[in-house]
Amino acid sequence: MSELPEHNPDQLPHLPKIAIMPRTHTPPPAKFSHGVRKGNILQVAGQVGFLPATEGRPPTPAGPGLAEQTRQTLANVQTVLTAGGATWEDVLMVRVHLTDTAHFAAFNEIYDEFFAGLKQAPAARTTVYVGLPAGLLVEIDALAVLG
């Protein structure tokens, strides 16, 4: 078994982290970015189904139902991917958080429809999460590797 060379951070090129903050997104309520790119890796933070931001107005969900919120959430993830120089074809992993186990089947139908034209589907994980703000039903984040 060969050994890996010793890790010396002084010998590695420094790649800056680039915050991705689309204008269409509401500024985060704390110190974080909607996405971060470092080199060819882009992490999209958890996105929800808020409509594009309107200055002076609070964030507004796309609708009360799972379908509207899921489509808007996927569009919001796509906006961050695009702003970071990526596409869905670059996405390796999608993590989905639903607030109700009864939503799995309906979510999967919308997800399959959205990704119908994708050459290769990303890995995915769906969990049930009860910590989303009131009225929100789904949150999605994604990890993309470009190149």
Protein backbone atom coordinates (compact mmCIF):
# COMPACT_ATOMS: atom_id res chain seq x y z
CA MET A 1 0.00 0.00 0.00
CA SER A 2 1.48 3.34 -1.00
CA GLU A 3 1.40 6.27 1.36
CA LEU A 4 -0.06 9.62 0.44
CA PRO A 5 2.38 12.50 0.45
CA GLU A 6 2.36 14.64 3.57
CA HIS A 7 -0.20 17.45 3.35
CA ASN A 8 1.53 20.82 3.36
CA PRO A 9 -0.92 23.72 2.86
CA ASP A 10 1.96 26.10 2.05
CA GLN A 11 2.71 24.13 -1.14
CA LEU A 12 -0.87 24.08 -2.44
CA PRO A 13 -2.26 26.87 -4.60
CA HIS A 14 -4.78 29.01 -2.75
CA LEU A 15 -8.22 28.96 -4.33
CA PRO A 16 -10.52 31.71 -3.10
CA LYS A 17 -14.06 31.04 -1.95
CA ILE A 18 -16.56 32.99 -4.03
CA ALA A 19 -19.95 33.79 -2.51
CA ILE A 20 -22.87 33.35 -4.89
CA MET A 21 -25.67 35.83 -4.08
CA PRO A 22 -28.21 36.13 -6.95
CA ARG A 23 -30.12 39.42 -7.00
CA THR A 24 -33.37 37.50 -7.34
CA HIS A 25 -32.84 35.93 -3.91
CA THR A 26 -33.71 37.51 -0.58
CA PRO A 27 -30.57 38.29 1.44
CA PRO A 28 -29.98 35.53 4.01
CA PRO A 29 -31.06 36.30 7.59
CA ALA A 30 -27.58 35.45 8.91
CA LYS A 31 -23.99 35.44 7.65
CA PHE A 32 -24.14 32.84 4.89
CA SER A 33 -24.33 32.75 1.11
CA HIS A 34 -26.88 31.16 -1.22
CA GLY A 35 -23.94 29.32 -2.76
CA VAL A 36 -20.17 29.12 -2.51
CA ARG A 37 -17.75 28.17 -5.24
CA LYS A 38 -14.14 27.18 -4.63
CA GLY A 39 -12.23 26.05 -7.69
CA ASN A 40 -14.50 23.69 -9.57
CA ILE A 41 -16.74 22.88 -6.59
CA LEU A 42 -20.04 24.70 -6.08
CA GLN A 43 -22.21 24.13 -3.03
CA VAL A 44 -25.73 25.53 -3.28
CA ALA A 45 -27.16 26.24 0.17
CA GLY A 46 -30.63 25.04 1.06
CA GLN A 47 -33.17 26.85 -1.09
CA VAL A 48 -36.89 27.13 -0.49
CA GLY A 49 -39.88 28.07 -2.62
CA PHE A 50 -39.73 31.84 -2.27
CA LEU A 51 -40.63 33.90 -5.31
CA PRO A 52 -37.95 36.30 -6.63
CA ALA A 53 -37.23 39.00 -4.08
CA THR A 54 -38.97 42.36 -4.23
CA GLU A 55 -37.18 45.16 -2.38
CA GLY A 56 -39.03 46.25 0.73
CA ARG A 57 -41.25 43.16 0.84
CA PRO A 58 -40.80 40.04 2.96
CA PRO A 59 -40.05 36.73 1.24
CA THR A 60 -43.18 35.23 -0.32
CA PRO A 61 -43.74 31.50 -0.93
CA ALA A 62 -44.68 30.54 -4.51
CA GLY A 63 -47.92 29.10 -3.20
CA PRO A 64 -49.36 27.07 -0.39
CA GLY A 65 -48.98 23.72 -2.20
CA LEU A 66 -46.09 21.33 -2.64
CA ALA A 67 -46.11 21.54 -6.46
CA GLU A 68 -45.70 25.34 -6.63
CA GLN A 69 -43.10 25.38 -3.89
CA THR A 70 -41.10 22.48 -5.35
CA ARG A 71 -40.95 24.01 -8.84
CA GLN A 72 -39.90 27.39 -7.39
CA THR A 73 -37.33 25.74 -5.12
CA LEU A 74 -35.78 23.91 -8.07
CA ALA A 75 -35.77 27.19 -10.04
CA ASN A 76 -34.03 28.91 -7.11
CA VAL A 77 -31.37 26.18 -6.96
CA GLN A 78 -30.91 26.53 -10.73
CA THR A 79 -30.44 30.31 -10.37
CA VAL A 80 -27.59 29.75 -7.91
CA LEU A 81 -26.06 27.05 -10.13
CA THR A 82 -26.16 29.39 -13.13
CA ALA A 83 -24.69 32.29 -11.14
CA GLY A 84 -21.86 29.95 -10.07
CA GLY A 85 -21.17 28.80 -13.64
CA ALA A 86 -22.80 25.37 -13.32
CA THR A 87 -25.77 23.48 -14.76
CA TRP A 88 -27.82 20.58 -13.46
CA GLU A 89 -25.52 18.28 -15.48
CA ASP A 90 -22.69 19.32 -13.09
CA VAL A 91 -24.69 18.36 -9.99
CA LEU A 92 -23.49 15.24 -8.19
CA MET A 93 -25.77 15.34 -5.15
CA VAL A 94 -29.18 16.78 -4.34
CA ARG A 95 -30.48 16.80 -0.79
CA VAL A 96 -34.20 17.29 -0.29
CA HIS A 97 -35.96 18.07 2.98
CA LEU A 98 -39.72 17.60 3.06
CA THR A 99 -41.92 18.53 6.02
CA ASP A 100 -44.36 15.65 5.58
CA THR A 101 -43.83 12.00 4.66
CA ALA A 102 -47.12 12.11 2.75
CA HIS A 103 -45.41 14.39 0.19
CA PHE A 104 -42.85 11.84 -1.05
CA ALA A 105 -44.86 10.48 -3.99
CA ALA A 106 -46.03 13.90 -5.24
CA PHE A 107 -42.53 15.33 -4.84
CA ASN A 108 -41.00 12.44 -6.81
CA GLU A 109 -43.41 13.06 -9.71
CA ILE A 110 -42.47 16.76 -9.88
CA TYR A 111 -38.75 15.92 -9.51
CA ASP A 112 -38.88 13.32 -12.31
CA GLU A 113 -40.73 15.77 -14.57
CA PHE A 114 -38.21 18.54 -13.87
CA PHE A 115 -35.20 16.31 -14.62
CA ALA A 116 -36.73 14.40 -17.56
CA GLY A 117 -34.17 15.82 -20.03
CA LEU A 118 -31.10 15.36 -17.82
CA LYS A 119 -28.47 13.03 -19.33
CA GLN A 120 -27.45 11.59 -15.96
CA ALA A 121 -29.42 12.02 -12.76
CA PRO A 122 -27.54 13.15 -9.66
CA ALA A 123 -27.45 11.14 -6.47
CA ALA A 124 -30.23 12.23 -4.15
CA ARG A 125 -31.30 11.97 -0.56
CA THR A 126 -34.71 12.92 0.79
CA THR A 127 -35.43 13.33 4.49
CA VAL A 128 -38.31 14.62 6.55
CA TYR A 129 -37.48 17.82 8.38
CA VAL A 130 -39.79 19.81 10.63
CA GLY A 131 -37.64 22.92 11.08
CA LEU A 132 -38.66 24.95 8.01
CA PRO A 133 -40.39 28.30 8.55
CA ALA A 134 -44.19 28.14 8.76
CA GLY A 135 -45.85 27.50 5.41
CA LEU A 136 -42.75 26.13 3.66
CA LEU A 137 -42.93 22.49 2.60
CA VAL A 138 -39.60 21.75 0.87
CA GLU A 139 -35.93 22.74 0.96
CA ILE A 140 -33.30 21.60 -1.56
CA ASP A 141 -29.53 21.99 -1.70
CA ALA A 142 -27.08 20.75 -4.32
CA LEU A 143 -23.38 20.00 -4.77
CA ALA A 144 -21.90 20.55 -8.23
CA VAL A 145 -18.44 19.84 -9.62
CA LEU A 146 -17.58 21.71 -12.81
CA GLY A 147 -15.25 20.44 -15.47
